[in-house]
Amino acid sequence: MGAYALGSLDGMTSRMTTQTMKPATAAKKLGVYLQATPAEFQEGVVSREELNALQADPPEWLRDLRRDGPHPRPVVASKLGVSIAGLARGGITDTLTTEQIEAVKADQPEWLLRERATQADVQKQALRIKEKKADS
């Protein structure tokens, strides 16, 4: 599904064009903070095949970013067990490293406990709605 045919203007020949994405899209799909990626990654385009290769066999820079960060806010929220909005309410508006995330977990600030409870309530409500729809 990675490529599709494009006909030429005269309709006599066709060539295959690879589907590409912007680096920001690829970084989001890889779960990494774009500004922390190598310059070559940030300045180029990424084909579907390249993205698949990065996911299947991540290079050292990608393994390091996934392990140590800095992590984008969706990853930070997930690691803390809160929503992205909950991060903002807690005053976290930037990326965090794994070490910083672990420090927040260890400190157990009031906002984190409150947002985790809120997140748990949201998940319970979503499960109730799903079960209710299944019963209908």
C-alpha atoms as a PDB file:
ATOM      1  CA  MET A   1       0.000   0.000   0.000  1.00  0.00           C
ATOM      2  CA  GLY A   2       3.074   2.226   0.171  1.00  0.00           C
ATOM      3  CA  ALA A   3       3.090   3.294  -3.481  1.00  0.00           C
ATOM      4  CA  TYR A   4       0.548   4.287  -6.085  1.00  0.00           C
ATOM      5  CA  ALA A   5       0.716   4.779  -9.825  1.00  0.00           C
ATOM      6  CA  LEU A   6       0.695   8.246 -11.351  1.00  0.00           C
ATOM      7  CA  GLY A   7       0.051   8.517 -15.060  1.00  0.00           C
ATOM      8  CA  SER A   8       2.029  10.928 -17.185  1.00  0.00           C
ATOM      9  CA  LEU A   9       0.316  13.726 -19.068  1.00  0.00           C
ATOM     10  CA  ASP A  10       0.333  11.788 -22.329  1.00  0.00           C
ATOM     11  CA  GLY A  11      -1.166   8.706 -20.688  1.00  0.00           C
ATOM     12  CA  MET A  12       1.419   6.457 -22.364  1.00  0.00           C
ATOM     13  CA  THR A  13       3.619   5.737 -19.349  1.00  0.00           C
ATOM     14  CA  SER A  14       3.236   5.575 -15.623  1.00  0.00           C
ATOM     15  CA  ARG A  15       5.682   5.669 -12.800  1.00  0.00           C
ATOM     16  CA  MET A  16       5.522   4.658  -9.170  1.00  0.00           C
ATOM     17  CA  THR A  17       5.691   7.409  -6.574  1.00  0.00           C
ATOM     18  CA  THR A  18       6.456   6.598  -2.966  1.00  0.00           C
ATOM     19  CA  GLN A  19       4.156   7.998  -0.315  1.00  0.00           C
ATOM     20  CA  THR A  20       6.080  10.414   1.929  1.00  0.00           C
ATOM     21  CA  MET A  21       5.335  12.402   5.059  1.00  0.00           C
ATOM     22  CA  LYS A  22       6.721  15.439   6.771  1.00  0.00           C
ATOM     23  CA  PRO A  23       9.245  14.854   9.546  1.00  0.00           C
ATOM     24  CA  ALA A  24       6.744  16.140  12.136  1.00  0.00           C
ATOM     25  CA  THR A  25       4.245  13.463  11.116  1.00  0.00           C
ATOM     26  CA  ALA A  26       6.902  10.746  11.193  1.00  0.00           C
ATOM     27  CA  ALA A  27       8.123  11.896  14.627  1.00  0.00           C
ATOM     28  CA  LYS A  28       4.562  11.777  15.942  1.00  0.00           C
ATOM     29  CA  LYS A  29       4.116   8.251  14.594  1.00  0.00           C
ATOM     30  CA  LEU A  30       7.423   7.228  16.180  1.00  0.00           C
ATOM     31  CA  GLY A  31       6.458   8.829  19.508  1.00  0.00           C
ATOM     32  CA  VAL A  32       9.472  11.146  19.672  1.00  0.00           C
ATOM     33  CA  TYR A  33       9.992  14.885  20.026  1.00  0.00           C
ATOM     34  CA  LEU A  34      10.881  16.245  16.565  1.00  0.00           C
ATOM     35  CA  GLN A  35      13.328  18.907  17.785  1.00  0.00           C
ATOM     36  CA  ALA A  36      15.399  16.185  19.502  1.00  0.00           C
ATOM     37  CA  THR A  37      15.827  14.140  16.308  1.00  0.00           C
ATOM     38  CA  PRO A  38      18.923  14.410  14.100  1.00  0.00           C
ATOM     39  CA  ALA A  39      19.049  17.323  11.637  1.00  0.00           C
ATOM     40  CA  GLU A  40      18.882  14.939   8.650  1.00  0.00           C
ATOM     41  CA  PHE A  41      15.568  13.611   9.960  1.00  0.00           C
ATOM     42  CA  GLN A  42      14.150  17.082  10.622  1.00  0.00           C
ATOM     43  CA  GLU A  43      15.142  18.486   7.231  1.00  0.00           C
ATOM     44  CA  GLY A  44      14.053  15.640   4.960  1.00  0.00           C
ATOM     45  CA  VAL A  45      10.932  13.737   4.126  1.00  0.00           C
ATOM     46  CA  VAL A  46      10.207  10.243   5.329  1.00  0.00           C
ATOM     47  CA  SER A  47       8.781   7.557   3.096  1.00  0.00           C
ATOM     48  CA  ARG A  48       6.374   4.944   4.392  1.00  0.00           C
ATOM     49  CA  GLU A  49       9.100   2.339   3.837  1.00  0.00           C
ATOM     50  CA  GLU A  50      11.625   4.387   5.836  1.00  0.00           C
ATOM     51  CA  LEU A  51       9.101   4.793   8.676  1.00  0.00           C
ATOM     52  CA  ASN A  52       8.455   1.044   8.697  1.00  0.00           C
ATOM     53  CA  ALA A  53      12.213   0.396   8.777  1.00  0.00           C
ATOM     54  CA  LEU A  54      12.674   2.839  11.681  1.00  0.00           C
ATOM     55  CA  GLN A  55       9.897   1.087  13.598  1.00  0.00           C
ATOM     56  CA  ALA A  56      11.160  -2.414  12.834  1.00  0.00           C
ATOM     57  CA  ASP A  57      14.845  -1.774  13.517  1.00  0.00           C
ATOM     58  CA  PRO A  58      15.266   1.567  15.320  1.00  0.00           C
ATOM     59  CA  PRO A  59      18.686   3.209  14.983  1.00  0.00           C
ATOM     60  CA  GLU A  60      20.568   4.163  18.146  1.00  0.00           C
ATOM     61  CA  TRP A  61      19.344   7.792  18.125  1.00  0.00           C
ATOM     62  CA  LEU A  62      15.720   6.595  18.070  1.00  0.00           C
ATOM     63  CA  ARG A  63      16.272   4.018  20.817  1.00  0.00           C
ATOM     64  CA  ASP A  64      17.971   6.703  22.927  1.00  0.00           C
ATOM     65  CA  LEU A  65      15.120   9.186  22.426  1.00  0.00           C
ATOM     66  CA  ARG A  66      12.484   6.608  23.274  1.00  0.00           C
ATOM     67  CA  ARG A  67      14.376   5.552  26.396  1.00  0.00           C
ATOM     68  CA  ASP A  68      15.649   8.902  27.722  1.00  0.00           C
ATOM     69  CA  GLY A  69      13.622  11.628  26.008  1.00  0.00           C
ATOM     70  CA  PRO A  70      12.939  14.439  25.834  1.00  0.00           C
ATOM     71  CA  HIS A  71       9.462  13.048  25.272  1.00  0.00           C
ATOM     72  CA  PRO A  72       6.578  14.845  23.526  1.00  0.00           C
ATOM     73  CA  ARG A  73       3.607  15.749  25.702  1.00  0.00           C
ATOM     74  CA  PRO A  74       1.416  12.790  24.616  1.00  0.00           C
ATOM     75  CA  VAL A  75       4.165  10.404  25.755  1.00  0.00           C
ATOM     76  CA  VAL A  76       4.699  12.355  29.001  1.00  0.00           C
ATOM     77  CA  ALA A  77       0.954  12.222  29.703  1.00  0.00           C
ATOM     78  CA  SER A  78       0.851   8.490  29.036  1.00  0.00           C
ATOM     79  CA  LYS A  79       3.872   7.779  31.250  1.00  0.00           C
ATOM     80  CA  LEU A  80       2.277   9.784  34.080  1.00  0.00           C
ATOM     81  CA  GLY A  81      -1.176   8.255  33.579  1.00  0.00           C
ATOM     82  CA  VAL A  82      -2.935  11.558  32.880  1.00  0.00           C
ATOM     83  CA  SER A  83      -4.423  13.398  29.912  1.00  0.00           C
ATOM     84  CA  ILE A  84      -2.599  16.086  27.931  1.00  0.00           C
ATOM     85  CA  ALA A  85      -5.054  18.617  29.373  1.00  0.00           C
ATOM     86  CA  GLY A  86      -4.216  17.275  32.841  1.00  0.00           C
ATOM     87  CA  LEU A  87      -0.540  17.969  32.173  1.00  0.00           C
ATOM     88  CA  ALA A  88      -1.381  21.570  31.339  1.00  0.00           C
ATOM     89  CA  ARG A  89      -3.531  21.922  34.456  1.00  0.00           C
ATOM     90  CA  GLY A  90      -0.560  20.598  36.415  1.00  0.00           C
ATOM     91  CA  GLY A  91       1.719  23.228  34.882  1.00  0.00           C
ATOM     92  CA  ILE A  92       3.596  20.846  32.565  1.00  0.00           C
ATOM     93  CA  THR A  93       3.632  22.544  29.177  1.00  0.00           C
ATOM     94  CA  ASP A  94       6.982  21.358  27.836  1.00  0.00           C
ATOM     95  CA  THR A  95       8.690  18.115  27.036  1.00  0.00           C
ATOM     96  CA  LEU A  96      10.196  16.071  29.861  1.00  0.00           C
ATOM     97  CA  THR A  97      13.002  13.561  29.981  1.00  0.00           C
ATOM     98  CA  THR A  98      12.484  10.107  31.459  1.00  0.00           C
ATOM     99  CA  GLU A  99      14.446  11.240  34.519  1.00  0.00           C
ATOM    100  CA  GLN A 100      12.136  14.245  34.985  1.00  0.00           C
ATOM    101  CA  ILE A 101       9.048  12.038  34.582  1.00  0.00           C
ATOM    102  CA  GLU A 102      10.378   9.646  37.223  1.00  0.00           C
ATOM    103  CA  ALA A 103      11.006  12.601  39.558  1.00  0.00           C
ATOM    104  CA  VAL A 104       7.391  13.778  39.158  1.00  0.00           C
ATOM    105  CA  LYS A 105       6.174  10.233  39.862  1.00  0.00           C
ATOM    106  CA  ALA A 106       8.367  10.030  42.960  1.00  0.00           C
ATOM    107  CA  ASP A 107       7.202  13.440  44.264  1.00  0.00           C
ATOM    108  CA  GLN A 108       3.507  12.537  43.804  1.00  0.00           C
ATOM    109  CA  PRO A 109       2.355  16.183  43.611  1.00  0.00           C
ATOM    110  CA  GLU A 110      -1.282  16.884  44.408  1.00  0.00           C
ATOM    111  CA  TRP A 111      -2.095  17.761  40.795  1.00  0.00           C
ATOM    112  CA  LEU A 112      -0.787  14.362  39.620  1.00  0.00           C
ATOM    113  CA  LEU A 113      -2.941  12.449  42.091  1.00  0.00           C
ATOM    114  CA  ARG A 114      -5.979  14.549  41.157  1.00  0.00           C
ATOM    115  CA  GLU A 115      -5.410  14.136  37.402  1.00  0.00           C
ATOM    116  CA  ARG A 116      -4.839  10.381  37.706  1.00  0.00           C
ATOM    117  CA  ALA A 117      -8.155  10.101  39.543  1.00  0.00           C
ATOM    118  CA  THR A 118      -9.846  12.182  36.849  1.00  0.00           C
ATOM    119  CA  GLN A 119      -8.302   9.992  34.133  1.00  0.00           C
ATOM    120  CA  ALA A 120      -9.511   6.835  35.916  1.00  0.00           C
ATOM    121  CA  ASP A 121     -13.038   8.271  36.111  1.00  0.00           C
ATOM    122  CA  VAL A 122     -12.985   9.126  32.401  1.00  0.00           C
ATOM    123  CA  GLN A 123     -11.870   5.597  31.538  1.00  0.00           C
ATOM    124  CA  LYS A 124     -14.575   4.050  33.755  1.00  0.00           C
ATOM    125  CA  GLN A 125     -17.211   6.237  32.110  1.00  0.00           C
ATOM    126  CA  ALA A 126     -15.986   5.277  28.626  1.00  0.00           C
ATOM    127  CA  LEU A 127     -16.159   1.587  29.590  1.00  0.00           C
ATOM    128  CA  ARG A 128     -19.719   2.004  30.920  1.00  0.00           C
ATOM    129  CA  ILE A 129     -20.786   3.678  27.683  1.00  0.00           C
ATOM    130  CA  LYS A 130     -19.150   0.946  25.603  1.00  0.00           C
ATOM    131  CA  GLU A 131     -20.855  -1.785  27.654  1.00  0.00           C
ATOM    132  CA  LYS A 132     -24.203   0.007  27.438  1.00  0.00           C
ATOM    133  CA  LYS A 133     -23.889   0.229  23.634  1.00  0.00           C
ATOM    134  CA  ALA A 134     -22.967  -3.469  23.470  1.00  0.00           C
ATOM    135  CA  ASP A 135     -26.087  -4.373  25.483  1.00  0.00           C
ATOM    136  CA  SER A 136     -28.373  -2.317  23.225  1.00  0.00           C
END
